[in-house]
Amino acid sequence: MSEVVVVAKFRVKENFLDEVYAEVVELYKKTHANDEGCIQYDFHKDLNDKYSFTFVETWASMDALSKHEQKEHFLTCIQNINDKLENITIDKLEKIKI
């Protein structure tokens, strides 16, 4: 398999915006600093909903993504924000080369 693209969209419960934002910024920084195989790891805010965010990620391989998902900074973030989200969707994609 070639590169893996991840699109992770989530909406934060209103009372937890600042707390979740701080956790996700920490995840962003630690991922960029520590995770091999991370080609792209961009964090976006929704222009129409201040509680909605999207990560767009590109990983060199499924193995690199799997290692990221096992790192302490990823697991800690997920544990700390899980009950503070209204919803989350995570799509793992492979680019079709035409």
Protein backbone atom coordinates (compact mmCIF):
# COMPACT_ATOMS: atom_id res chain seq x y z
CA MET A 1 0.00 0.00 0.00
CA SER A 2 1.18 3.51 -0.73
CA GLU A 3 0.69 6.66 1.32
CA VAL A 4 -2.30 6.84 3.63
CA VAL A 5 -4.40 9.99 3.91
CA VAL A 6 -6.44 10.53 7.05
CA VAL A 7 -9.27 13.02 7.39
CA ALA A 8 -10.37 13.29 11.02
CA LYS A 9 -13.31 15.61 11.69
CA PHE A 10 -14.63 16.33 15.14
CA ARG A 11 -16.95 18.69 16.96
CA VAL A 12 -16.16 19.75 20.52
CA LYS A 13 -18.82 20.08 23.21
CA GLU A 14 -19.24 23.81 23.86
CA ASN A 15 -18.01 23.73 27.48
CA PHE A 16 -14.71 22.10 26.50
CA LEU A 17 -13.47 24.18 23.56
CA ASP A 18 -10.36 25.64 25.21
CA GLU A 19 -9.40 22.39 26.92
CA VAL A 20 -9.71 20.27 23.76
CA TYR A 21 -7.96 22.88 21.65
CA ALA A 22 -4.96 22.87 24.02
CA GLU A 23 -4.77 19.05 23.94
CA VAL A 24 -4.93 18.95 20.14
CA VAL A 25 -2.25 21.62 19.75
CA GLU A 26 0.02 19.55 21.98
CA LEU A 27 -0.71 16.46 19.86
CA TYR A 28 0.05 18.45 16.71
CA LYS A 29 3.42 19.65 18.05
CA LYS A 30 4.51 16.25 19.36
CA THR A 31 3.47 14.47 16.17
CA HIS A 32 5.52 16.85 14.02
CA ALA A 33 8.51 16.50 16.34
CA ASN A 34 8.43 12.75 16.97
CA ASP A 35 6.54 10.66 14.43
CA GLU A 36 8.47 9.15 11.53
CA GLY A 37 6.57 8.74 8.31
CA CYS A 38 4.46 11.83 8.90
CA ILE A 39 4.38 13.66 5.57
CA GLN A 40 1.54 16.07 6.35
CA TYR A 41 -0.30 16.78 9.59
CA ASP A 42 -2.45 19.87 9.24
CA PHE A 43 -5.05 21.14 11.68
CA HIS A 44 -8.00 23.18 10.39
CA LYS A 45 -10.91 25.04 11.96
CA ASP A 46 -14.33 25.20 10.39
CA LEU A 47 -15.20 28.72 9.20
CA ASN A 48 -18.90 28.20 9.95
CA ASP A 49 -18.69 26.41 13.29
CA LYS A 50 -16.12 27.40 15.90
CA TYR A 51 -16.54 24.03 17.64
CA SER A 52 -15.63 21.95 14.57
CA PHE A 53 -12.13 21.00 13.48
CA THR A 54 -10.46 18.77 10.91
CA PHE A 55 -7.07 17.10 10.73
CA VAL A 56 -5.78 16.30 7.24
CA GLU A 57 -2.85 13.91 7.46
CA THR A 58 -0.62 12.08 5.03
CA TRP A 59 1.44 9.12 6.22
CA ALA A 60 4.17 7.31 4.31
CA SER A 61 2.47 3.96 5.00
CA MET A 62 -0.16 2.23 7.07
CA ASP A 63 2.67 1.06 9.32
CA ALA A 64 3.72 4.67 10.01
CA LEU A 65 0.11 5.59 10.83
CA SER A 66 -0.24 2.56 13.11
CA LYS A 67 2.91 3.54 14.99
CA HIS A 68 1.54 7.09 15.41
CA GLU A 69 -1.70 5.67 16.84
CA GLN A 70 0.34 3.75 19.44
CA LYS A 71 2.47 6.69 20.58
CA GLU A 72 1.94 8.02 24.10
CA HIS A 73 1.13 11.56 22.91
CA PHE A 74 -1.63 10.26 20.61
CA LEU A 75 -3.14 7.91 23.20
CA THR A 76 -3.02 10.58 25.91
CA CYS A 77 -4.77 13.11 23.70
CA ILE A 78 -7.51 10.66 22.73
CA GLN A 79 -8.04 9.69 26.36
CA ASN A 80 -8.19 13.34 27.48
CA ILE A 81 -10.63 14.54 24.82
CA ASN A 82 -12.83 11.52 24.07
CA ASP A 83 -15.71 12.44 26.40
CA LYS A 84 -15.44 16.13 25.44
CA LEU A 85 -16.43 15.59 21.81
CA GLU A 86 -19.93 15.60 20.37
CA ASN A 87 -18.80 13.46 17.45
CA ILE A 88 -15.81 12.34 15.47
CA THR A 89 -15.37 10.73 12.07
CA ILE A 90 -12.09 9.33 10.83
CA ASP A 91 -11.60 8.37 7.21
CA LYS A 92 -8.48 6.50 6.12
CA LEU A 93 -7.92 6.85 2.40
CA GLU A 94 -5.60 5.70 -0.32
CA LYS A 95 -5.12 8.06 -3.24
CA ILE A 96 -6.19 6.63 -6.57
CA LYS A 97 -3.50 7.27 -9.11
CA ILE A 98 -4.99 8.03 -12.49
